[in-house]
Amino acid sequence: MKIEIKNISLKSIILSAFPLLVFALCLVNYVLQISSMPDLNFMQQILQIILWTLVDTMVYLVLIVISAFIYNLFCSFGMRGLTFTVEEPVTKEEKEEEEKEEENK
């Protein structure tokens, strides 16, 4: 079965768990880079990590929302959207029937 994505809801991007995921990934990135800030004391390092994480999260989310808006705009002009091929799961009974048919041939 083929599925084509014609529209990405901008509201679902903003009001879902996705921003939290982006925030968590940015936070992990800056926590791992804490050794590159040796001139700052501990509280300054924590504040620096939080501020840069918030800034990066906002920048990434704005870029993603703009990209989704442009994607929706192109799809509304008649361009094809992303197409995925999805295979339906096969049950044990269907597998057994297929094996019996192959043995009979």
PDB file of N, CA and C in Angstrom:
ATOM      1  N   MET A   1       0.841  -1.157   0.000  1.00  0.00           N
ATOM      2  CA  MET A   1       0.000   0.000   0.000  1.00  0.00           C
ATOM      3  C   MET A   1       0.899   1.236   0.000  1.00  0.00           C
ATOM      4  N   LYS A   2       0.593   2.179  -0.870  1.00  0.00           N
ATOM      5  CA  LYS A   2       1.372   3.409  -0.947  1.00  0.00           C
ATOM      6  C   LYS A   2       0.633   4.522  -0.221  1.00  0.00           C
ATOM      7  N   ILE A   3       1.378   5.287   0.550  1.00  0.00           N
ATOM      8  CA  ILE A   3       0.830   6.420   1.286  1.00  0.00           C
ATOM      9  C   ILE A   3       1.587   7.663   0.848  1.00  0.00           C
ATOM     10  N   GLU A   4       0.848   8.711   0.514  1.00  0.00           N
ATOM     11  CA  GLU A   4       1.472   9.972   0.113  1.00  0.00           C
ATOM     12  C   GLU A   4       1.090  11.062   1.110  1.00  0.00           C
ATOM     13  N   ILE A   5       2.076  11.777   1.593  1.00  0.00           N
ATOM     14  CA  ILE A   5       1.845  12.873   2.531  1.00  0.00           C
ATOM     15  C   ILE A   5       1.649  14.146   1.732  1.00  0.00           C
ATOM     16  N   LYS A   6       0.451  14.698   1.788  1.00  0.00           N
ATOM     17  CA  LYS A   6       0.122  15.910   1.039  1.00  0.00           C
ATOM     18  C   LYS A   6       0.175  17.165   1.898  1.00  0.00           C
ATOM     19  N   ASN A   7      -0.023  17.021   3.224  1.00  0.00           N
ATOM     20  CA  ASN A   7      -0.088  18.185   4.089  1.00  0.00           C
ATOM     21  C   ASN A   7       0.491  17.836   5.457  1.00  0.00           C
ATOM     22  N   ILE A   8       1.342  18.691   5.963  1.00  0.00           N
ATOM     23  CA  ILE A   8       1.910  18.526   7.301  1.00  0.00           C
ATOM     24  C   ILE A   8       1.295  19.609   8.173  1.00  0.00           C
ATOM     25  N   SER A   9       0.639  19.227   9.228  1.00  0.00           N
ATOM     26  CA  SER A   9      -0.005  20.193  10.112  1.00  0.00           C
ATOM     27  C   SER A   9       1.055  20.929  10.929  1.00  0.00           C
ATOM     28  N   LEU A  10       1.114  22.241  10.767  1.00  0.00           N
ATOM     29  CA  LEU A  10       2.097  23.035  11.510  1.00  0.00           C
ATOM     30  C   LEU A  10       1.773  23.029  13.001  1.00  0.00           C
ATOM     31  N   LYS A  11       0.492  22.963  13.326  1.00  0.00           N
ATOM     32  CA  LYS A  11       0.072  22.918  14.720  1.00  0.00           C
ATOM     33  C   LYS A  11       0.569  21.638  15.396  1.00  0.00           C
ATOM     34  N   SER A  12       0.568  20.527  14.652  1.00  0.00           N
ATOM     35  CA  SER A  12       1.022  19.266  15.240  1.00  0.00           C
ATOM     36  C   SER A  12       2.530  19.271  15.491  1.00  0.00           C
ATOM     37  N   ILE A  13       3.266  20.043  14.708  1.00  0.00           N
ATOM     38  CA  ILE A  13       4.715  20.148  14.938  1.00  0.00           C
ATOM     39  C   ILE A  13       4.983  20.921  16.222  1.00  0.00           C
ATOM     40  N   ILE A  14       4.249  22.007  16.405  1.00  0.00           N
ATOM     41  CA  ILE A  14       4.504  22.905  17.532  1.00  0.00           C
ATOM     42  C   ILE A  14       3.943  22.360  18.842  1.00  0.00           C
ATOM     43  N   LEU A  15       2.762  21.745  18.797  1.00  0.00           N
ATOM     44  CA  LEU A  15       2.070  21.334  20.018  1.00  0.00           C
ATOM     45  C   LEU A  15       2.170  19.840  20.288  1.00  0.00           C
ATOM     46  N   SER A  16       3.265  19.223  19.907  1.00  0.00           N
ATOM     47  CA  SER A  16       3.448  17.795  20.158  1.00  0.00           C
ATOM     48  C   SER A  16       4.676  17.586  21.041  1.00  0.00           C
ATOM     49  N   ALA A  17       5.108  16.369  21.141  1.00  0.00           N
ATOM     50  CA  ALA A  17       6.308  16.056  21.918  1.00  0.00           C
ATOM     51  C   ALA A  17       7.578  16.379  21.139  1.00  0.00           C
ATOM     52  N   PHE A  18       7.437  16.724  19.886  1.00  0.00           N
ATOM     53  CA  PHE A  18       8.600  17.000  19.041  1.00  0.00           C
ATOM     54  C   PHE A  18       9.491  18.122  19.586  1.00  0.00           C
ATOM     55  N   PRO A  19       8.946  19.271  20.035  1.00  0.00           N
ATOM     56  CA  PRO A  19       9.825  20.306  20.607  1.00  0.00           C
ATOM     57  C   PRO A  19      10.608  19.828  21.827  1.00  0.00           C
ATOM     58  N   LEU A  20       9.990  18.957  22.635  1.00  0.00           N
ATOM     59  CA  LEU A  20      10.713  18.411  23.790  1.00  0.00           C
ATOM     60  C   LEU A  20      11.866  17.521  23.354  1.00  0.00           C
ATOM     61  N   LEU A  21      11.660  16.772  22.294  1.00  0.00           N
ATOM     62  CA  LEU A  21      12.727  15.931  21.755  1.00  0.00           C
ATOM     63  C   LEU A  21      13.886  16.789  21.247  1.00  0.00           C
ATOM     64  N   VAL A  22      13.555  17.843  20.524  1.00  0.00           N
ATOM     65  CA  VAL A  22      14.591  18.746  20.013  1.00  0.00           C
ATOM     66  C   VAL A  22      15.336  19.391  21.181  1.00  0.00           C
ATOM     67  N   PHE A  23      14.597  19.827  22.209  1.00  0.00           N
ATOM     68  CA  PHE A  23      15.223  20.426  23.390  1.00  0.00           C
ATOM     69  C   PHE A  23      16.162  19.437  24.072  1.00  0.00           C
ATOM     70  N   ALA A  24      15.706  18.189  24.228  1.00  0.00           N
ATOM     71  CA  ALA A  24      16.535  17.176  24.893  1.00  0.00           C
ATOM     72  C   ALA A  24      17.812  16.900  24.099  1.00  0.00           C
ATOM     73  N   LEU A  25      17.711  16.817  22.776  1.00  0.00           N
ATOM     74  CA  LEU A  25      18.904  16.571  21.966  1.00  0.00           C
ATOM     75  C   LEU A  25      19.879  17.746  22.030  1.00  0.00           C
ATOM     76  N   CYS A  26      19.360  18.959  22.025  1.00  0.00           N
ATOM     77  CA  CYS A  26      20.225  20.133  22.151  1.00  0.00           C
ATOM     78  C   CYS A  26      20.885  20.174  23.529  1.00  0.00           C
ATOM     79  N   LEU A  27      20.120  19.823  24.565  1.00  0.00           N
ATOM     80  CA  LEU A  27      20.669  19.811  25.918  1.00  0.00           C
ATOM     81  C   LEU A  27      21.804  18.801  26.042  1.00  0.00           C
ATOM     82  N   VAL A  28      21.595  17.603  25.508  1.00  0.00           N
ATOM     83  CA  VAL A  28      22.643  16.575  25.537  1.00  0.00           C
ATOM     84  C   VAL A  28      23.879  17.067  24.790  1.00  0.00           C
ATOM     85  N   ASN A  29      23.681  17.727  23.668  1.00  0.00           N
ATOM     86  CA  ASN A  29      24.796  18.254  22.888  1.00  0.00           C
ATOM     87  C   ASN A  29      25.637  19.215  23.714  1.00  0.00           C
ATOM     88  N   TYR A  30      25.002  20.153  24.399  1.00  0.00           N
ATOM     89  CA  TYR A  30      25.761  21.145  25.158  1.00  0.00           C
ATOM     90  C   TYR A  30      26.316  20.594  26.463  1.00  0.00           C
ATOM     91  N   VAL A  31      25.653  19.616  27.058  1.00  0.00           N
ATOM     92  CA  VAL A  31      26.217  18.982  28.258  1.00  0.00           C
ATOM     93  C   VAL A  31      27.503  18.247  27.889  1.00  0.00           C
ATOM     94  N   LEU A  32      27.517  17.625  26.715  1.00  0.00           N
ATOM     95  CA  LEU A  32      28.732  16.933  26.282  1.00  0.00           C
ATOM     96  C   LEU A  32      29.845  17.902  25.900  1.00  0.00           C
ATOM     97  N   GLN A  33      29.492  19.141  25.599  1.00  0.00           N
ATOM     98  CA  GLN A  33      30.503  20.143  25.235  1.00  0.00           C
ATOM     99  C   GLN A  33      30.936  20.998  26.419  1.00  0.00           C
ATOM    100  N   ILE A  34      30.577  20.622  27.635  1.00  0.00           N
ATOM    101  CA  ILE A  34      30.872  21.430  28.806  1.00  0.00           C
ATOM    102  C   ILE A  34      32.377  21.587  29.033  1.00  0.00           C
ATOM    103  N   SER A  35      33.164  20.644  28.566  1.00  0.00           N
ATOM    104  CA  SER A  35      34.612  20.731  28.763  1.00  0.00           C
ATOM    105  C   SER A  35      35.248  21.832  27.919  1.00  0.00           C
ATOM    106  N   SER A  36      34.533  22.331  26.925  1.00  0.00           N
ATOM    107  CA  SER A  36      35.087  23.398  26.090  1.00  0.00           C
ATOM    108  C   SER A  36      34.852  24.777  26.696  1.00  0.00           C
ATOM    109  N   MET A  37      34.292  24.841  27.910  1.00  0.00           N
ATOM    110  CA  MET A  37      34.055  26.108  28.597  1.00  0.00           C
ATOM    111  C   MET A  37      34.839  26.155  29.912  1.00  0.00           C
ATOM    112  N   PRO A  38      36.144  26.083  29.876  1.00  0.00           N
ATOM    113  CA  PRO A  38      36.904  25.987  31.119  1.00  0.00           C
ATOM    114  C   PRO A  38      37.001  27.303  31.896  1.00  0.00           C
ATOM    115  N   ASP A  39      36.794  28.439  31.266  1.00  0.00           N
ATOM    116  CA  ASP A  39      36.966  29.722  31.925  1.00  0.00           C
ATOM    117  C   ASP A  39      35.768  30.140  32.773  1.00  0.00           C
ATOM    118  N   LEU A  40      34.700  29.385  32.725  1.00  0.00           N
ATOM    119  CA  LEU A  40      33.489  29.738  33.450  1.00  0.00           C
ATOM    120  C   LEU A  40      33.357  28.892  34.703  1.00  0.00           C
ATOM    121  N   ASN A  41      32.756  29.495  35.765  1.00  0.00           N
ATOM    122  CA  ASN A  41      32.500  28.682  36.954  1.00  0.00           C
ATOM    123  C   ASN A  41      31.268  27.818  36.721  1.00  0.00           C
ATOM    124  N   PHE A  42      30.905  26.998  37.699  1.00  0.00           N
ATOM    125  CA  PHE A  42      29.857  26.000  37.510  1.00  0.00           C
ATOM    126  C   PHE A  42      28.504  26.633  37.167  1.00  0.00           C
ATOM    127  N   MET A  43      28.101  27.668  37.904  1.00  0.00           N
ATOM    128  CA  MET A  43      26.805  28.308  37.648  1.00  0.00           C
ATOM    129  C   MET A  43      26.778  28.966  36.271  1.00  0.00           C
ATOM    130  N   GLN A  44      27.870  29.570  35.872  1.00  0.00           N
ATOM    131  CA  GLN A  44      27.935  30.174  34.543  1.00  0.00           C
ATOM    132  C   GLN A  44      27.843  29.107  33.454  1.00  0.00           C
ATOM    133  N   GLN A  45      28.471  27.972  33.687  1.00  0.00           N
ATOM    134  CA  GLN A  45      28.377  26.880  32.724  1.00  0.00           C
ATOM    135  C   GLN A  45      26.934  26.390  32.595  1.00  0.00           C
ATOM    136  N   ILE A  46      26.236  26.227  33.728  1.00  0.00           N
ATOM    137  CA  ILE A  46      24.845  25.770  33.702  1.00  0.00           C
ATOM    138  C   ILE A  46      23.972  26.780  32.962  1.00  0.00           C
ATOM    139  N   LEU A  47      24.128  28.059  33.265  1.00  0.00           N
ATOM    140  CA  LEU A  47      23.345  29.087  32.582  1.00  0.00           C
ATOM    141  C   LEU A  47      23.655  29.129  31.090  1.00  0.00           C
ATOM    142  N   GLN A  48      24.928  28.977  30.755  1.00  0.00           N
ATOM    143  CA  GLN A  48      25.324  28.970  29.346  1.00  0.00           C
ATOM    144  C   GLN A  48      24.692  27.791  28.604  1.00  0.00           C
ATOM    145  N   ILE A  49      24.697  26.630  29.243  1.00  0.00           N
ATOM    146  CA  ILE A  49      24.090  25.442  28.629  1.00  0.00           C
ATOM    147  C   ILE A  49      22.594  25.663  28.407  1.00  0.00           C
ATOM    148  N   ILE A  50      21.899  26.181  29.418  1.00  0.00           N
ATOM    149  CA  ILE A  50      20.451  26.387  29.306  1.00  0.00           C
ATOM    150  C   ILE A  50      20.128  27.421  28.230  1.00  0.00           C
ATOM    151  N   LEU A  51      20.845  28.524  28.214  1.00  0.00           N
ATOM    152  CA  LEU A  51      20.566  29.567  27.229  1.00  0.00           C
ATOM    153  C   LEU A  51      20.827  29.094  25.805  1.00  0.00           C
ATOM    154  N   TRP A  52      21.960  28.435  25.581  1.00  0.00           N
ATOM    155  CA  TRP A  52      22.264  27.959  24.235  1.00  0.00           C
ATOM    156  C   TRP A  52      21.300  26.857  23.804  1.00  0.00           C
ATOM    157  N   THR A  53      20.869  26.041  24.757  1.00  0.00           N
ATOM    158  CA  THR A  53      19.900  25.005  24.434  1.00  0.00           C
ATOM    159  C   THR A  53      18.574  25.620  24.002  1.00  0.00           C
ATOM    160  N   LEU A  54      18.106  26.628  24.727  1.00  0.00           N
ATOM    161  CA  LEU A  54      16.863  27.303  24.359  1.00  0.00           C
ATOM    162  C   LEU A  54      16.974  27.979  22.998  1.00  0.00           C
ATOM    163  N   VAL A  55      18.089  28.641  22.747  1.00  0.00           N
ATOM    164  CA  VAL A  55      18.287  29.322  21.464  1.00  0.00           C
ATOM    165  C   VAL A  55      18.309  28.312  20.325  1.00  0.00           C
ATOM    166  N   ASP A  56      19.065  27.244  20.476  1.00  0.00           N
ATOM    167  CA  ASP A  56      19.138  26.227  19.427  1.00  0.00           C
ATOM    168  C   ASP A  56      17.775  25.577  19.179  1.00  0.00           C
ATOM    169  N   THR A  57      17.040  25.288  20.245  1.00  0.00           N
ATOM    170  CA  THR A  57      15.720  24.681  20.096  1.00  0.00           C
ATOM    171  C   THR A  57      14.800  25.594  19.298  1.00  0.00           C
ATOM    172  N   MET A  58      14.801  26.866  19.631  1.00  0.00           N
ATOM    173  CA  MET A  58      13.939  27.812  18.907  1.00  0.00           C
ATOM    174  C   MET A  58      14.355  27.929  17.443  1.00  0.00           C
ATOM    175  N   VAL A  59      15.645  27.985  17.177  1.00  0.00           N
ATOM    176  CA  VAL A  59      16.124  28.092  15.792  1.00  0.00           C
ATOM    177  C   VAL A  59      15.717  26.858  14.991  1.00  0.00           C
ATOM    178  N   TYR A  60      15.930  25.667  15.553  1.00  0.00           N
ATOM    179  CA  TYR A  60      15.584  24.437  14.845  1.00  0.00           C
ATOM    180  C   TYR A  60      14.082  24.344  14.602  1.00  0.00           C
ATOM    181  N   LEU A  61      13.276  24.697  15.599  1.00  0.00           N
ATOM    182  CA  LEU A  61      11.835  24.616  15.431  1.00  0.00           C
ATOM    183  C   LEU A  61      11.330  25.610  14.388  1.00  0.00           C
ATOM    184  N   VAL A  62      11.888  26.813  14.368  1.00  0.00           N
ATOM    185  CA  VAL A  62      11.493  27.794  13.352  1.00  0.00           C
ATOM    186  C   VAL A  62      11.861  27.281  11.962  1.00  0.00           C
ATOM    187  N   LEU A  63      13.059  26.719  11.814  1.00  0.00           N
ATOM    188  CA  LEU A  63      13.464  26.178  10.515  1.00  0.00           C
ATOM    189  C   LEU A  63      12.574  25.017  10.076  1.00  0.00           C
ATOM    190  N   ILE A  64      12.187  24.164  10.999  1.00  0.00           N
ATOM    191  CA  ILE A  64      11.332  23.022  10.670  1.00  0.00           C
ATOM    192  C   ILE A  64       9.934  23.487  10.289  1.00  0.00           C
ATOM    193  N   VAL A  65       9.391  24.471  11.007  1.00  0.00           N
ATOM    194  CA  VAL A  65       8.061  24.988  10.684  1.00  0.00           C
ATOM    195  C   VAL A  65       8.081  25.673   9.319  1.00  0.00           C
ATOM    196  N   ILE A  66       9.123  26.440   9.036  1.00  0.00           N
ATOM    197  CA  ILE A  66       9.246  27.089   7.720  1.00  0.00           C
ATOM    198  C   ILE A  66       9.362  26.043   6.621  1.00  0.00           C
ATOM    199  N   SER A  67      10.144  24.998   6.858  1.00  0.00           N
ATOM    200  CA  SER A  67      10.282  23.925   5.872  1.00  0.00           C
ATOM    201  C   SER A  67       8.952  23.215   5.627  1.00  0.00           C
ATOM    202  N   ALA A  68       8.202  22.939   6.688  1.00  0.00           N
ATOM    203  CA  ALA A  68       6.899  22.286   6.535  1.00  0.00           C
ATOM    204  C   ALA A  68       5.925  23.197   5.792  1.00  0.00           C
ATOM    205  N   PHE A  69       5.978  24.500   6.054  1.00  0.00           N
ATOM    206  CA  PHE A  69       5.109  25.447   5.344  1.00  0.00           C
ATOM    207  C   PHE A  69       5.430  25.459   3.851  1.00  0.00           C
ATOM    208  N   ILE A  70       6.709  25.481   3.514  1.00  0.00           N
ATOM    209  CA  ILE A  70       7.119  25.474   2.101  1.00  0.00           C
ATOM    210  C   ILE A  70       6.714  24.157   1.442  1.00  0.00           C
ATOM    211  N   TYR A  71       6.866  23.036   2.153  1.00  0.00           N
ATOM    212  CA  TYR A  71       6.439  21.728   1.639  1.00  0.00           C
ATOM    213  C   TYR A  71       4.941  21.746   1.335  1.00  0.00           C
ATOM    214  N   ASN A  72       4.145  22.244   2.291  1.00  0.00           N
ATOM    215  CA  ASN A  72       2.695  22.334   2.078  1.00  0.00           C
ATOM    216  C   ASN A  72       2.372  23.237   0.893  1.00  0.00           C
ATOM    217  N   LEU A  73       3.112  24.319   0.735  1.00  0.00           N
ATOM    218  CA  LEU A  73       2.893  25.248  -0.370  1.00  0.00           C
ATOM    219  C   LEU A  73       3.160  24.564  -1.710  1.00  0.00           C
ATOM    220  N   PHE A  74       4.272  23.847  -1.810  1.00  0.00           N
ATOM    221  CA  PHE A  74       4.587  23.130  -3.047  1.00  0.00           C
ATOM    222  C   PHE A  74       3.540  22.067  -3.353  1.00  0.00           C
ATOM    223  N   CYS A  75       3.094  21.344  -2.335  1.00  0.00           N
ATOM    224  CA  CYS A  75       2.068  20.311  -2.550  1.00  0.00           C
ATOM    225  C   CYS A  75       0.747  20.935  -2.995  1.00  0.00           C
ATOM    226  N   SER A  76       0.439  22.133  -2.509  1.00  0.00           N
ATOM    227  CA  SER A  76      -0.805  22.779  -2.923  1.00  0.00           C
ATOM    228  C   SER A  76      -0.736  23.246  -4.374  1.00  0.00           C
ATOM    229  N   PHE A  77       0.475  23.453  -4.910  1.00  0.00           N
ATOM    230  CA  PHE A  77       0.645  23.833  -6.311  1.00  0.00           C
ATOM    231  C   PHE A  77       0.593  22.621  -7.233  1.00  0.00           C
ATOM    232  N   GLY A  78       0.459  21.423  -6.693  1.00  0.00           N
ATOM    233  CA  GLY A  78       0.309  20.225  -7.507  1.00  0.00           C
ATOM    234  C   GLY A  78       1.528  19.331  -7.561  1.00  0.00           C
ATOM    235  N   MET A  79       2.579  19.688  -6.861  1.00  0.00           N
ATOM    236  CA  MET A  79       3.752  18.805  -6.839  1.00  0.00           C
ATOM    237  C   MET A  79       3.436  17.577  -5.991  1.00  0.00           C
ATOM    238  N   ARG A  80       4.110  16.481  -6.303  1.00  0.00           N
ATOM    239  CA  ARG A  80       3.891  15.249  -5.549  1.00  0.00           C
ATOM    240  C   ARG A  80       4.514  15.374  -4.169  1.00  0.00           C
ATOM    241  N   GLY A  81       3.871  14.742  -3.214  1.00  0.00           N
ATOM    242  CA  GLY A  81       4.382  14.726  -1.852  1.00  0.00           C
ATOM    243  C   GLY A  81       5.270  13.515  -1.623  1.00  0.00           C
ATOM    244  N   LEU A  82       5.697  13.349  -0.397  1.00  0.00           N
ATOM    245  CA  LEU A  82       6.484  12.175  -0.025  1.00  0.00           C
ATOM    246  C   LEU A  82       5.621  10.936  -0.136  1.00  0.00           C
ATOM    247  N   THR A  83       6.160   9.883  -0.740  1.00  0.00           N
ATOM    248  CA  THR A  83       5.419   8.637  -0.908  1.00  0.00           C
ATOM    249  C   THR A  83       6.134   7.523  -0.161  1.00  0.00           C
ATOM    250  N   PHE A  84       5.376   6.779   0.619  1.00  0.00           N
ATOM    251  CA  PHE A  84       5.902   5.651   1.373  1.00  0.00           C
ATOM    252  C   PHE A  84       5.176   4.394   0.946  1.00  0.00           C
ATOM    253  N   THR A  85       5.900   3.289   0.869  1.00  0.00           N
ATOM    254  CA  THR A  85       5.290   2.001   0.603  1.00  0.00           C
ATOM    255  C   THR A  85       5.234   1.238   1.916  1.00  0.00           C
ATOM    256  N   VAL A  86       4.028   0.866   2.307  1.00  0.00           N
ATOM    257  CA  VAL A  86       3.824   0.181   3.576  1.00  0.00           C
ATOM    258  C   VAL A  86       3.306  -1.218   3.282  1.00  0.00           C
ATOM    259  N   GLU A  87       3.946  -2.207   3.876  1.00  0.00           N
ATOM    260  CA  GLU A  87       3.496  -3.582   3.716  1.00  0.00           C
ATOM    261  C   GLU A  87       2.633  -3.956   4.910  1.00  0.00           C
ATOM    262  N   GLU A  88       1.537  -4.619   4.625  1.00  0.00           N
ATOM    263  CA  GLU A  88       0.658  -5.059   5.697  1.00  0.00           C
ATOM    264  C   GLU A  88       1.275  -6.271   6.380  1.00  0.00           C
ATOM    265  N   PRO A  89       1.139  -6.378   7.694  1.00  0.00           N
ATOM    266  CA  PRO A  89       1.714  -7.536   8.390  1.00  0.00           C
ATOM    267  C   PRO A  89       0.991  -8.826   7.989  1.00  0.00           C
ATOM    268  N   VAL A  90       1.782  -9.871   7.889  1.00  0.00           N
ATOM    269  CA  VAL A  90       1.240 -11.175   7.498  1.00  0.00           C
ATOM    270  C   VAL A  90       1.045 -12.007   8.761  1.00  0.00           C
ATOM    271  N   THR A  91      -0.133 -12.572   8.911  1.00  0.00           N
ATOM    272  CA  THR A  91      -0.413 -13.400  10.083  1.00  0.00           C
ATOM    273  C   THR A  91       0.175 -14.802   9.888  1.00  0.00           C
ATOM    274  N   LYS A  92       0.227 -15.569  10.955  1.00  0.00           N
ATOM    275  CA  LYS A  92       0.763 -16.934  10.904  1.00  0.00           C
ATOM    276  C   LYS A  92      -0.077 -17.807   9.984  1.00  0.00           C
ATOM    277  N   GLU A  93      -1.373 -17.601  10.019  1.00  0.00           N
ATOM    278  CA  GLU A  93      -2.261 -18.420   9.188  1.00  0.00           C
ATOM    279  C   GLU A  93      -2.008 -18.163   7.710  1.00  0.00           C
ATOM    280  N   GLU A  94      -1.806 -16.891   7.351  1.00  0.00           N
ATOM    281  CA  GLU A  94      -1.534 -16.565   5.955  1.00  0.00           C
ATOM    282  C   GLU A  94      -0.188 -17.132   5.517  1.00  0.00           C
ATOM    283  N   LYS A  95       0.805 -17.108   6.416  1.00  0.00           N
ATOM    284  CA  LYS A  95       2.109 -17.688   6.095  1.00  0.00           C
ATOM    285  C   LYS A  95       1.982 -19.184   5.843  1.00  0.00           C
ATOM    286  N   GLU A  96       1.213 -19.863   6.708  1.00  0.00           N
ATOM    287  CA  GLU A  96       1.030 -21.310   6.555  1.00  0.00           C
ATOM    288  C   GLU A  96       0.328 -21.630   5.235  1.00  0.00           C
ATOM    289  N   GLU A  97      -0.666 -20.820   4.873  1.00  0.00           N
ATOM    290  CA  GLU A  97      -1.376 -21.035   3.612  1.00  0.00           C
ATOM    291  C   GLU A  97      -0.441 -20.847   2.420  1.00  0.00           C
ATOM    292  N   GLU A  98       0.428 -19.825   2.491  1.00  0.00           N
ATOM    293  CA  GLU A  98       1.388 -19.583   1.411  1.00  0.00           C
ATOM    294  C   GLU A  98       2.374 -20.735   1.296  1.00  0.00           C
ATOM    295  N   GLU A  99       2.829 -21.260   2.457  1.00  0.00           N
ATOM    296  CA  GLU A  99       3.765 -22.379   2.441  1.00  0.00           C
ATOM    297  C   GLU A  99       3.104 -23.630   1.849  1.00  0.00           C
ATOM    298  N   LYS A 100       1.847 -23.872   2.159  1.00  0.00           N
ATOM    299  CA  LYS A 100       1.136 -25.028   1.615  1.00  0.00           C
ATOM    300  C   LYS A 100       0.967 -24.890   0.111  1.00  0.00           C
ATOM    301  N   GLU A 101       0.662 -23.676  -0.339  1.00  0.00           N
ATOM    302  CA  GLU A 101       0.519 -23.449  -1.772  1.00  0.00           C
ATOM    303  C   GLU A 101       1.849 -23.666  -2.499  1.00  0.00           C
ATOM    304  N   GLU A 102       2.961 -23.240  -1.895  1.00  0.00           N
ATOM    305  CA  GLU A 102       4.280 -23.434  -2.517  1.00  0.00           C
ATOM    306  C   GLU A 102       4.641 -24.916  -2.549  1.00  0.00           C
ATOM    307  N   GLU A 103       4.284 -25.662  -1.514  1.00  0.00           N
ATOM    308  CA  GLU A 103       4.580 -27.093  -1.483  1.00  0.00           C
ATOM    309  C   GLU A 103       3.760 -27.838  -2.530  1.00  0.00           C
ATOM    310  N   ASN A 104       2.543 -27.405  -2.788  1.00  0.00           N
ATOM    311  CA  ASN A 104       1.673 -28.058  -3.764  1.00  0.00           C
ATOM    312  C   ASN A 104       2.154 -27.824  -5.200  1.00  0.00           C
ATOM    313  N   LYS A 105       2.914 -26.800  -5.419  1.00  0.00           N
ATOM    314  CA  LYS A 105       3.376 -26.487  -6.783  1.00  0.00           C
ATOM    315  C   LYS A 105       4.497 -27.344  -7.191  1.00  0.00           C
TER     316      LYS A 105
END
